[in-house]
Amino acid sequence: MKFIIVGRNIDITPGLKAAVEEKIGKLEKYFNPDTEAHVTLSVEKDRQKIEVTIPVKGNIIRSEQVSNDMYVSIDLVEEIIERQLKKYKTKIVDKQQSAGSFSKMYVENDYTDEEEIKIVRTKKFDIKPMYPEDACIQMELLGHNFFVFINADTDQVNVVYKRKGDTYGLIEPEG
């Protein structure tokens, strides 16, 4: 596994680099040796954040963790990615199209779903054309953190969502 480690507002000390390579290196058993792991360490006030992105053919395996100690964040992110790999193995490797990025042992090993995804509720509602700004207002009135609507400008299904810092995001389909 190849590591690309970047620091934002933090110097990558030899100790941090070793900790990242040791912890994230435990994931090597799941990937081919030429797989790249992009690791970004950042510090904002007392928030120690690590973001790990592992691009594999057709998918991205990603996790970010924040704590008040960078070493704790590194431990947490490794556990989360390993859990993701075990949980979604069948979906990730299903059609063998992306299996090239993964090690043979990982592809052939059977992992049980510890936390199977279960949809427990389905909602149906009328989608009315509106502008993104109106959708944000509607979302706030409902007390939700996202809202699905038909964009009055494009006649396409869009989603507005609440971001950190009391800002909003808009998701639009491409094309």
N, C-alpha and C. Protein backbone atom coordinates (compact mmCIF):
# COMPACT_ATOMS: atom_id res chain seq x y z
N MET A 1 0.85 -1.18 0.00
CA MET A 1 0.00 0.00 0.00
C MET A 1 0.89 1.23 0.00
N LYS A 2 0.54 2.19 -0.83
CA LYS A 2 1.30 3.44 -0.91
C LYS A 2 0.54 4.53 -0.17
N PHE A 3 1.27 5.32 0.62
CA PHE A 3 0.64 6.37 1.41
C PHE A 3 1.00 7.73 0.87
N ILE A 4 0.01 8.58 0.70
CA ILE A 4 0.22 9.98 0.36
C ILE A 4 -0.34 10.76 1.54
N ILE A 5 0.55 11.29 2.36
CA ILE A 5 0.15 11.94 3.61
C ILE A 5 0.38 13.44 3.48
N VAL A 6 -0.69 14.20 3.76
CA VAL A 6 -0.65 15.66 3.65
C VAL A 6 -1.09 16.24 4.97
N GLY A 7 -0.50 17.37 5.36
CA GLY A 7 -0.89 18.04 6.59
C GLY A 7 -1.43 19.42 6.33
N ARG A 8 -2.52 19.77 7.02
CA ARG A 8 -3.07 21.13 6.96
C ARG A 8 -3.03 21.70 8.37
N ASN A 9 -2.33 22.77 8.54
CA ASN A 9 -2.14 23.40 9.85
C ASN A 9 -1.45 22.46 10.84
N ILE A 10 -0.69 21.52 10.31
CA ILE A 10 0.03 20.57 11.16
C ILE A 10 1.26 20.07 10.41
N ASP A 11 2.36 19.94 11.11
CA ASP A 11 3.57 19.34 10.52
C ASP A 11 3.47 17.84 10.67
N ILE A 12 3.77 17.13 9.59
CA ILE A 12 3.75 15.67 9.63
C ILE A 12 5.07 15.22 10.24
N THR A 13 5.05 14.93 11.52
CA THR A 13 6.25 14.50 12.22
C THR A 13 6.52 13.04 11.87
N PRO A 14 7.75 12.58 12.07
CA PRO A 14 8.02 11.16 11.84
C PRO A 14 7.11 10.24 12.68
N GLY A 15 6.77 10.68 13.89
CA GLY A 15 5.88 9.89 14.76
C GLY A 15 4.48 9.77 14.18
N LEU A 16 3.95 10.89 13.66
CA LEU A 16 2.61 10.85 13.05
C LEU A 16 2.63 10.00 11.79
N LYS A 17 3.68 10.18 10.99
CA LYS A 17 3.79 9.40 9.75
C LYS A 17 3.84 7.90 10.07
N ALA A 18 4.61 7.54 11.07
CA ALA A 18 4.73 6.14 11.47
C ALA A 18 3.40 5.60 11.99
N ALA A 19 2.69 6.43 12.78
CA ALA A 19 1.39 6.00 13.31
C ALA A 19 0.38 5.76 12.19
N VAL A 20 0.35 6.66 11.20
CA VAL A 20 -0.56 6.51 10.07
C VAL A 20 -0.20 5.25 9.28
N GLU A 21 1.09 5.09 8.97
CA GLU A 21 1.51 3.94 8.17
C GLU A 21 1.27 2.62 8.91
N GLU A 22 1.43 2.64 10.23
CA GLU A 22 1.21 1.42 11.01
C GLU A 22 -0.29 1.08 11.07
N LYS A 23 -1.12 2.08 11.44
CA LYS A 23 -2.56 1.82 11.61
C LYS A 23 -3.25 1.56 10.28
N ILE A 24 -3.08 2.47 9.33
CA ILE A 24 -3.74 2.31 8.03
C ILE A 24 -3.08 1.15 7.28
N GLY A 25 -1.83 0.88 7.59
CA GLY A 25 -1.13 -0.25 6.99
C GLY A 25 -1.79 -1.59 7.33
N LYS A 26 -2.54 -1.64 8.44
CA LYS A 26 -3.26 -2.86 8.79
C LYS A 26 -4.29 -3.21 7.72
N LEU A 27 -4.69 -2.22 6.92
CA LEU A 27 -5.67 -2.45 5.86
C LEU A 27 -5.03 -3.04 4.61
N GLU A 28 -3.69 -3.13 4.60
CA GLU A 28 -2.97 -3.66 3.43
C GLU A 28 -3.47 -5.04 3.02
N LYS A 29 -3.89 -5.83 4.00
CA LYS A 29 -4.33 -7.19 3.69
C LYS A 29 -5.55 -7.20 2.78
N TYR A 30 -6.26 -6.08 2.69
CA TYR A 30 -7.45 -6.01 1.84
C TYR A 30 -7.14 -5.55 0.42
N PHE A 31 -5.99 -4.93 0.22
CA PHE A 31 -5.69 -4.29 -1.06
C PHE A 31 -4.44 -4.85 -1.72
N ASN A 32 -4.32 -4.59 -3.01
CA ASN A 32 -3.09 -4.90 -3.73
C ASN A 32 -1.99 -3.94 -3.27
N PRO A 33 -0.73 -4.33 -3.42
CA PRO A 33 0.37 -3.48 -2.93
C PRO A 33 0.44 -2.11 -3.60
N ASP A 34 -0.08 -1.95 -4.83
CA ASP A 34 0.04 -0.66 -5.51
C ASP A 34 -1.15 0.28 -5.24
N THR A 35 -2.05 -0.12 -4.34
CA THR A 35 -3.19 0.73 -3.99
C THR A 35 -2.69 1.93 -3.19
N GLU A 36 -3.22 3.12 -3.53
CA GLU A 36 -2.82 4.35 -2.84
C GLU A 36 -3.84 4.72 -1.77
N ALA A 37 -3.34 5.13 -0.63
CA ALA A 37 -4.19 5.66 0.43
C ALA A 37 -3.84 7.14 0.59
N HIS A 38 -4.81 8.01 0.35
CA HIS A 38 -4.61 9.44 0.50
C HIS A 38 -5.05 9.83 1.91
N VAL A 39 -4.11 10.34 2.69
CA VAL A 39 -4.38 10.66 4.09
C VAL A 39 -4.12 12.15 4.30
N THR A 40 -5.12 12.84 4.85
CA THR A 40 -4.97 14.27 5.16
C THR A 40 -5.18 14.45 6.65
N LEU A 41 -4.18 15.00 7.31
CA LEU A 41 -4.26 15.32 8.73
C LEU A 41 -4.45 16.83 8.85
N SER A 42 -5.40 17.26 9.68
CA SER A 42 -5.60 18.70 9.83
C SER A 42 -5.97 19.02 11.28
N VAL A 43 -5.69 20.27 11.64
CA VAL A 43 -5.97 20.74 12.99
C VAL A 43 -6.71 22.06 12.90
N GLU A 44 -7.85 22.14 13.60
CA GLU A 44 -8.59 23.40 13.74
C GLU A 44 -8.91 23.54 15.22
N LYS A 45 -8.35 24.52 15.85
CA LYS A 45 -8.50 24.71 17.30
C LYS A 45 -8.10 23.41 18.01
N ASP A 46 -9.04 22.78 18.73
CA ASP A 46 -8.68 21.53 19.42
C ASP A 46 -9.20 20.30 18.68
N ARG A 47 -9.60 20.49 17.42
CA ARG A 47 -10.12 19.37 16.61
C ARG A 47 -8.99 18.77 15.77
N GLN A 48 -8.66 17.53 16.06
CA GLN A 48 -7.62 16.80 15.33
C GLN A 48 -8.33 15.87 14.34
N LYS A 49 -8.21 16.15 13.06
CA LYS A 49 -9.01 15.45 12.05
C LYS A 49 -8.11 14.67 11.09
N ILE A 50 -8.56 13.46 10.75
CA ILE A 50 -7.88 12.66 9.74
C ILE A 50 -8.92 12.27 8.69
N GLU A 51 -8.55 12.42 7.43
CA GLU A 51 -9.39 11.99 6.32
C GLU A 51 -8.59 10.96 5.53
N VAL A 52 -9.19 9.81 5.28
CA VAL A 52 -8.53 8.76 4.50
C VAL A 52 -9.41 8.44 3.30
N THR A 53 -8.83 8.52 2.11
CA THR A 53 -9.54 8.19 0.88
C THR A 53 -8.72 7.16 0.14
N ILE A 54 -9.37 6.05 -0.20
CA ILE A 54 -8.69 4.99 -0.94
C ILE A 54 -9.48 4.76 -2.23
N PRO A 55 -8.97 5.32 -3.35
CA PRO A 55 -9.68 5.10 -4.61
C PRO A 55 -9.44 3.68 -5.12
N VAL A 56 -10.52 2.99 -5.45
CA VAL A 56 -10.44 1.67 -6.06
C VAL A 56 -11.31 1.74 -7.31
N LYS A 57 -11.06 0.87 -8.24
CA LYS A 57 -11.77 0.93 -9.52
C LYS A 57 -13.28 0.96 -9.31
N GLY A 58 -13.90 2.05 -9.73
CA GLY A 58 -15.35 2.16 -9.64
C GLY A 58 -15.89 2.62 -8.30
N ASN A 59 -15.07 2.74 -7.28
CA ASN A 59 -15.53 3.13 -5.94
C ASN A 59 -14.49 3.97 -5.24
N ILE A 60 -14.92 4.58 -4.15
CA ILE A 60 -14.01 5.28 -3.25
C ILE A 60 -14.34 4.80 -1.85
N ILE A 61 -13.32 4.40 -1.13
CA ILE A 61 -13.49 4.02 0.27
C ILE A 61 -12.96 5.20 1.06
N ARG A 62 -13.82 5.78 1.92
CA ARG A 62 -13.44 7.02 2.57
C ARG A 62 -13.99 7.07 3.99
N SER A 63 -13.21 7.69 4.86
CA SER A 63 -13.68 7.95 6.21
C SER A 63 -12.93 9.15 6.76
N GLU A 64 -13.59 9.88 7.62
CA GLU A 64 -12.90 10.95 8.34
C GLU A 64 -13.33 10.87 9.80
N GLN A 65 -12.39 11.15 10.66
CA GLN A 65 -12.65 11.09 12.09
C GLN A 65 -12.03 12.31 12.76
N VAL A 66 -12.70 12.79 13.79
CA VAL A 66 -12.25 13.96 14.53
C VAL A 66 -12.24 13.63 16.01
N SER A 67 -11.18 14.03 16.68
CA SER A 67 -11.14 13.91 18.14
C SER A 67 -10.21 15.02 18.65
N ASN A 68 -9.93 15.02 19.93
CA ASN A 68 -9.01 16.03 20.45
C ASN A 68 -7.57 15.51 20.49
N ASP A 69 -7.34 14.30 19.95
CA ASP A 69 -6.01 13.71 19.90
C ASP A 69 -5.84 13.03 18.53
N MET A 70 -4.82 13.43 17.79
CA MET A 70 -4.63 12.91 16.43
C MET A 70 -4.44 11.39 16.43
N TYR A 71 -3.76 10.86 17.42
CA TYR A 71 -3.53 9.42 17.47
C TYR A 71 -4.85 8.65 17.68
N VAL A 72 -5.76 9.23 18.46
CA VAL A 72 -7.08 8.62 18.65
C VAL A 72 -7.84 8.66 17.33
N SER A 73 -7.77 9.78 16.62
CA SER A 73 -8.44 9.92 15.32
C SER A 73 -7.92 8.88 14.33
N ILE A 74 -6.61 8.65 14.35
CA ILE A 74 -6.00 7.66 13.45
C ILE A 74 -6.53 6.26 13.78
N ASP A 75 -6.60 5.93 15.07
CA ASP A 75 -7.15 4.62 15.48
C ASP A 75 -8.59 4.47 15.01
N LEU A 76 -9.40 5.49 15.22
CA LEU A 76 -10.82 5.43 14.87
C LEU A 76 -11.03 5.25 13.37
N VAL A 77 -10.27 5.97 12.57
CA VAL A 77 -10.47 5.92 11.12
C VAL A 77 -10.12 4.54 10.57
N GLU A 78 -9.10 3.91 11.14
CA GLU A 78 -8.73 2.56 10.68
C GLU A 78 -9.85 1.57 10.99
N GLU A 79 -10.42 1.67 12.20
CA GLU A 79 -11.52 0.77 12.58
C GLU A 79 -12.73 0.95 11.68
N ILE A 80 -13.06 2.19 11.37
CA ILE A 80 -14.24 2.48 10.54
C ILE A 80 -14.05 1.93 9.13
N ILE A 81 -12.88 2.15 8.54
CA ILE A 81 -12.65 1.66 7.17
C ILE A 81 -12.68 0.14 7.14
N GLU A 82 -12.09 -0.50 8.14
CA GLU A 82 -12.10 -1.96 8.17
C GLU A 82 -13.54 -2.47 8.29
N ARG A 83 -14.34 -1.82 9.12
CA ARG A 83 -15.74 -2.22 9.27
C ARG A 83 -16.49 -2.02 7.94
N GLN A 84 -16.22 -0.89 7.26
CA GLN A 84 -16.86 -0.64 5.95
C GLN A 84 -16.50 -1.74 4.96
N LEU A 85 -15.22 -2.10 4.92
CA LEU A 85 -14.77 -3.11 3.96
C LEU A 85 -15.46 -4.45 4.21
N LYS A 86 -15.58 -4.83 5.48
CA LYS A 86 -16.22 -6.10 5.79
C LYS A 86 -17.72 -6.05 5.52
N LYS A 87 -18.33 -4.93 5.86
CA LYS A 87 -19.77 -4.78 5.74
C LYS A 87 -20.22 -4.74 4.28
N TYR A 88 -19.49 -4.02 3.47
CA TYR A 88 -19.92 -3.81 2.09
C TYR A 88 -19.15 -4.63 1.08
N LYS A 89 -18.43 -5.65 1.55
CA LYS A 89 -17.60 -6.45 0.65
C LYS A 89 -18.37 -6.94 -0.56
N THR A 90 -19.53 -7.50 -0.35
CA THR A 90 -20.28 -8.06 -1.48
C THR A 90 -20.66 -6.97 -2.47
N LYS A 91 -21.00 -5.80 -1.98
CA LYS A 91 -21.36 -4.71 -2.89
C LYS A 91 -20.14 -4.16 -3.61
N ILE A 92 -19.03 -4.04 -2.90
CA ILE A 92 -17.82 -3.47 -3.48
C ILE A 92 -17.24 -4.38 -4.56
N VAL A 93 -17.20 -5.66 -4.29
CA VAL A 93 -16.50 -6.59 -5.17
C VAL A 93 -17.46 -7.38 -6.06
N ASP A 94 -18.78 -7.18 -5.87
CA ASP A 94 -19.81 -8.00 -6.49
C ASP A 94 -19.53 -8.45 -7.92
N LYS A 95 -19.39 -7.52 -8.81
CA LYS A 95 -19.30 -7.87 -10.23
C LYS A 95 -17.87 -8.12 -10.69
N GLN A 96 -16.95 -8.23 -9.78
CA GLN A 96 -15.53 -8.46 -10.06
C GLN A 96 -14.91 -7.31 -10.84
N GLN A 97 -15.70 -6.25 -11.14
CA GLN A 97 -15.13 -5.15 -11.91
C GLN A 97 -14.09 -4.38 -11.09
N SER A 98 -14.34 -4.26 -9.80
CA SER A 98 -13.39 -3.51 -8.98
C SER A 98 -12.50 -4.44 -8.17
N ALA A 99 -12.64 -5.72 -8.37
CA ALA A 99 -11.86 -6.68 -7.58
C ALA A 99 -10.36 -6.54 -7.83
N GLY A 100 -9.96 -5.95 -8.94
CA GLY A 100 -8.55 -5.81 -9.26
C GLY A 100 -7.77 -5.01 -8.24
N SER A 101 -8.42 -4.11 -7.53
CA SER A 101 -7.74 -3.29 -6.53
C SER A 101 -7.59 -4.00 -5.20
N PHE A 102 -8.33 -5.10 -5.02
CA PHE A 102 -8.34 -5.77 -3.74
C PHE A 102 -7.50 -7.03 -3.78
N SER A 103 -7.01 -7.43 -2.61
CA SER A 103 -6.20 -8.63 -2.52
C SER A 103 -7.09 -9.86 -2.69
N LYS A 104 -6.51 -10.93 -3.16
CA LYS A 104 -7.25 -12.17 -3.40
C LYS A 104 -7.86 -12.70 -2.10
N MET A 105 -7.11 -12.59 -1.00
CA MET A 105 -7.60 -13.08 0.28
C MET A 105 -8.88 -12.35 0.70
N TYR A 106 -8.91 -11.03 0.50
CA TYR A 106 -10.09 -10.24 0.87
C TYR A 106 -11.29 -10.62 0.01
N VAL A 107 -11.08 -10.78 -1.28
CA VAL A 107 -12.17 -11.10 -2.20
C VAL A 107 -12.75 -12.47 -1.89
N GLU A 108 -11.91 -13.43 -1.53
CA GLU A 108 -12.37 -14.79 -1.31
C GLU A 108 -12.90 -15.03 0.11
N ASN A 109 -12.53 -14.19 1.06
CA ASN A 109 -12.95 -14.36 2.45
C ASN A 109 -14.41 -13.95 2.61
N ASP A 110 -15.16 -14.70 3.42
CA ASP A 110 -16.55 -14.37 3.70
C ASP A 110 -16.63 -13.61 5.01
N TYR A 111 -17.24 -12.45 4.97
CA TYR A 111 -17.46 -11.67 6.17
C TYR A 111 -18.95 -11.62 6.43
N THR A 112 -19.32 -11.76 7.68
CA THR A 112 -20.74 -11.68 8.01
C THR A 112 -21.11 -10.23 8.24
N ASP A 113 -22.32 -9.89 7.85
CA ASP A 113 -22.82 -8.53 8.06
C ASP A 113 -23.20 -8.37 9.51
N GLU A 114 -22.37 -7.64 10.26
CA GLU A 114 -22.68 -7.41 11.65
C GLU A 114 -23.82 -6.42 11.79
N GLU A 115 -23.83 -5.45 10.90
CA GLU A 115 -24.84 -4.40 10.94
C GLU A 115 -25.52 -4.35 9.58
N GLU A 116 -26.47 -5.24 9.36
CA GLU A 116 -27.17 -5.28 8.08
C GLU A 116 -28.04 -4.05 7.95
N ILE A 117 -28.09 -3.48 6.76
CA ILE A 117 -28.91 -2.30 6.53
C ILE A 117 -30.36 -2.72 6.40
N LYS A 118 -31.21 -2.09 7.19
CA LYS A 118 -32.64 -2.38 7.14
C LYS A 118 -33.40 -1.08 7.00
N ILE A 119 -34.22 -0.99 5.98
CA ILE A 119 -35.09 0.17 5.81
C ILE A 119 -36.34 -0.12 6.62
N VAL A 120 -36.63 0.73 7.60
CA VAL A 120 -37.72 0.46 8.52
C VAL A 120 -38.93 1.36 8.27
N ARG A 121 -38.78 2.34 7.37
CA ARG A 121 -39.88 3.24 7.11
C ARG A 121 -39.77 3.79 5.70
N THR A 122 -40.90 3.90 5.03
CA THR A 122 -40.95 4.48 3.69
C THR A 122 -41.95 5.63 3.73
N LYS A 123 -41.54 6.76 3.16
CA LYS A 123 -42.44 7.91 3.10
C LYS A 123 -42.72 8.24 1.64
N LYS A 124 -43.95 8.63 1.36
CA LYS A 124 -44.32 9.10 0.03
C LYS A 124 -44.90 10.49 0.20
N PHE A 125 -44.53 11.38 -0.71
CA PHE A 125 -45.04 12.74 -0.63
C PHE A 125 -45.02 13.37 -2.01
N ASP A 126 -45.87 14.38 -2.19
CA ASP A 126 -45.89 15.12 -3.45
C ASP A 126 -44.66 16.00 -3.54
N ILE A 127 -44.02 15.95 -4.69
CA ILE A 127 -42.87 16.82 -4.92
C ILE A 127 -43.35 17.98 -5.77
N LYS A 128 -43.29 19.17 -5.21
CA LYS A 128 -43.76 20.36 -5.91
C LYS A 128 -42.57 21.16 -6.44
N PRO A 129 -42.72 21.72 -7.63
CA PRO A 129 -41.63 22.56 -8.15
C PRO A 129 -41.43 23.78 -7.25
N MET A 130 -40.19 24.06 -6.93
CA MET A 130 -39.85 25.25 -6.14
C MET A 130 -38.39 25.61 -6.41
N TYR A 131 -38.03 26.79 -5.96
CA TYR A 131 -36.64 27.24 -6.11
C TYR A 131 -35.84 26.75 -4.92
N PRO A 132 -34.52 26.56 -5.11
CA PRO A 132 -33.68 26.04 -4.01
C PRO A 132 -33.81 26.83 -2.71
N GLU A 133 -33.93 28.15 -2.81
CA GLU A 133 -34.05 28.97 -1.61
C GLU A 133 -35.34 28.64 -0.86
N ASP A 134 -36.45 28.43 -1.63
CA ASP A 134 -37.72 28.06 -1.00
C ASP A 134 -37.63 26.67 -0.37
N ALA A 135 -36.89 25.78 -1.01
CA ALA A 135 -36.70 24.43 -0.48
C ALA A 135 -35.95 24.50 0.85
N CYS A 136 -34.97 25.39 0.96
CA CYS A 136 -34.23 25.56 2.23
C CYS A 136 -35.18 26.03 3.34
N ILE A 137 -36.05 26.96 2.99
CA ILE A 137 -37.01 27.47 3.98
C ILE A 137 -37.93 26.33 4.42
N GLN A 138 -38.43 25.56 3.46
CA GLN A 138 -39.31 24.43 3.77
C GLN A 138 -38.60 23.42 4.66
N MET A 139 -37.32 23.14 4.34
CA MET A 139 -36.52 22.21 5.13
C MET A 139 -36.42 22.70 6.58
N GLU A 140 -36.14 23.99 6.75
CA GLU A 140 -36.04 24.56 8.10
C GLU A 140 -37.37 24.47 8.84
N LEU A 141 -38.47 24.74 8.14
CA LEU A 141 -39.78 24.67 8.77
C LEU A 141 -40.10 23.26 9.26
N LEU A 142 -39.65 22.26 8.50
CA LEU A 142 -39.88 20.87 8.87
C LEU A 142 -38.90 20.36 9.93
N GLY A 143 -37.81 21.09 10.12
CA GLY A 143 -36.80 20.68 11.09
C GLY A 143 -35.93 19.54 10.59
N HIS A 144 -35.82 19.39 9.27
CA HIS A 144 -34.99 18.33 8.68
C HIS A 144 -33.62 18.89 8.32
N ASN A 145 -32.68 17.98 8.00
CA ASN A 145 -31.36 18.44 7.57
C ASN A 145 -31.15 18.24 6.07
N PHE A 146 -32.20 17.77 5.34
CA PHE A 146 -32.18 17.73 3.89
C PHE A 146 -33.61 17.81 3.39
N PHE A 147 -33.78 18.16 2.11
CA PHE A 147 -35.12 18.27 1.54
C PHE A 147 -35.04 17.98 0.05
N VAL A 148 -35.91 17.07 -0.42
CA VAL A 148 -35.97 16.68 -1.83
C VAL A 148 -37.07 17.49 -2.50
N PHE A 149 -36.77 18.03 -3.70
CA PHE A 149 -37.76 18.87 -4.39
C PHE A 149 -37.48 18.86 -5.89
N ILE A 150 -38.44 19.35 -6.66
CA ILE A 150 -38.22 19.54 -8.09
C ILE A 150 -37.84 21.00 -8.29
N ASN A 151 -36.69 21.22 -8.90
CA ASN A 151 -36.19 22.57 -9.13
C ASN A 151 -37.07 23.25 -10.18
N ALA A 152 -37.66 24.39 -9.83
CA ALA A 152 -38.56 25.11 -10.73
C ALA A 152 -37.82 25.62 -11.98
N ASP A 153 -36.51 25.83 -11.89
CA ASP A 153 -35.74 26.30 -13.05
C ASP A 153 -35.42 25.17 -14.02
N THR A 154 -35.11 23.97 -13.50
CA THR A 154 -34.60 22.89 -14.35
C THR A 154 -35.58 21.73 -14.52
N ASP A 155 -36.66 21.69 -13.73
CA ASP A 155 -37.61 20.56 -13.71
C ASP A 155 -36.95 19.24 -13.37
N GLN A 156 -35.86 19.27 -12.63
CA GLN A 156 -35.17 18.05 -12.21
C GLN A 156 -35.25 17.92 -10.69
N VAL A 157 -35.14 16.67 -10.22
CA VAL A 157 -35.14 16.42 -8.78
C VAL A 157 -33.81 16.90 -8.22
N ASN A 158 -33.87 17.71 -7.18
CA ASN A 158 -32.69 18.24 -6.48
C ASN A 158 -32.84 17.96 -5.00
N VAL A 159 -31.74 18.12 -4.27
CA VAL A 159 -31.75 17.99 -2.82
C VAL A 159 -30.99 19.17 -2.24
N VAL A 160 -31.58 19.83 -1.26
CA VAL A 160 -30.84 20.82 -0.48
C VAL A 160 -30.54 20.16 0.86
N TYR A 161 -29.41 20.54 1.45
CA TYR A 161 -29.04 19.96 2.73
C TYR A 161 -28.32 21.00 3.57
N LYS A 162 -28.39 20.79 4.87
CA LYS A 162 -27.76 21.70 5.82
C LYS A 162 -26.31 21.30 6.02
N ARG A 163 -25.41 22.26 5.94
CA ARG A 163 -23.98 22.02 6.13
C ARG A 163 -23.54 22.61 7.47
N LYS A 164 -22.32 22.28 7.86
CA LYS A 164 -21.76 22.86 9.07
C LYS A 164 -21.66 24.37 8.89
N GLY A 165 -21.80 25.10 9.97
CA GLY A 165 -21.66 26.55 9.90
C GLY A 165 -22.92 27.22 9.39
N ASP A 166 -24.07 26.58 9.52
CA ASP A 166 -25.35 27.15 9.08
C ASP A 166 -25.34 27.62 7.63
N THR A 167 -24.74 26.78 6.77
CA THR A 167 -24.79 27.03 5.34
C THR A 167 -25.57 25.89 4.70
N TYR A 168 -25.85 26.02 3.43
CA TYR A 168 -26.67 25.02 2.73
C TYR A 168 -25.94 24.52 1.50
N GLY A 169 -26.26 23.29 1.12
CA GLY A 169 -25.71 22.70 -0.10
C GLY A 169 -26.85 22.31 -1.02
N LEU A 170 -26.57 22.22 -2.31
CA LEU A 170 -27.56 21.82 -3.31
C LEU A 170 -26.97 20.69 -4.12
N ILE A 171 -27.72 19.60 -4.25
CA ILE A 171 -27.30 18.47 -5.08
C ILE A 171 -28.18 18.44 -6.31
N GLU A 172 -27.54 18.51 -7.49
CA GLU A 172 -28.23 18.48 -8.76
C GLU A 172 -27.70 17.32 -9.59
N PRO A 173 -28.58 16.69 -10.40
CA PRO A 173 -28.07 15.63 -11.28
C PRO A 173 -27.25 16.23 -12.41
N GLU A 174 -26.26 15.48 -12.89
CA GLU A 174 -25.46 15.94 -14.03
C GLU A 174 -26.19 15.65 -15.32
N GLY A 175 -25.92 16.50 -16.32
CA GLY A 175 -26.44 16.21 -17.66
C GLY A 175 -27.77 16.71 -17.95
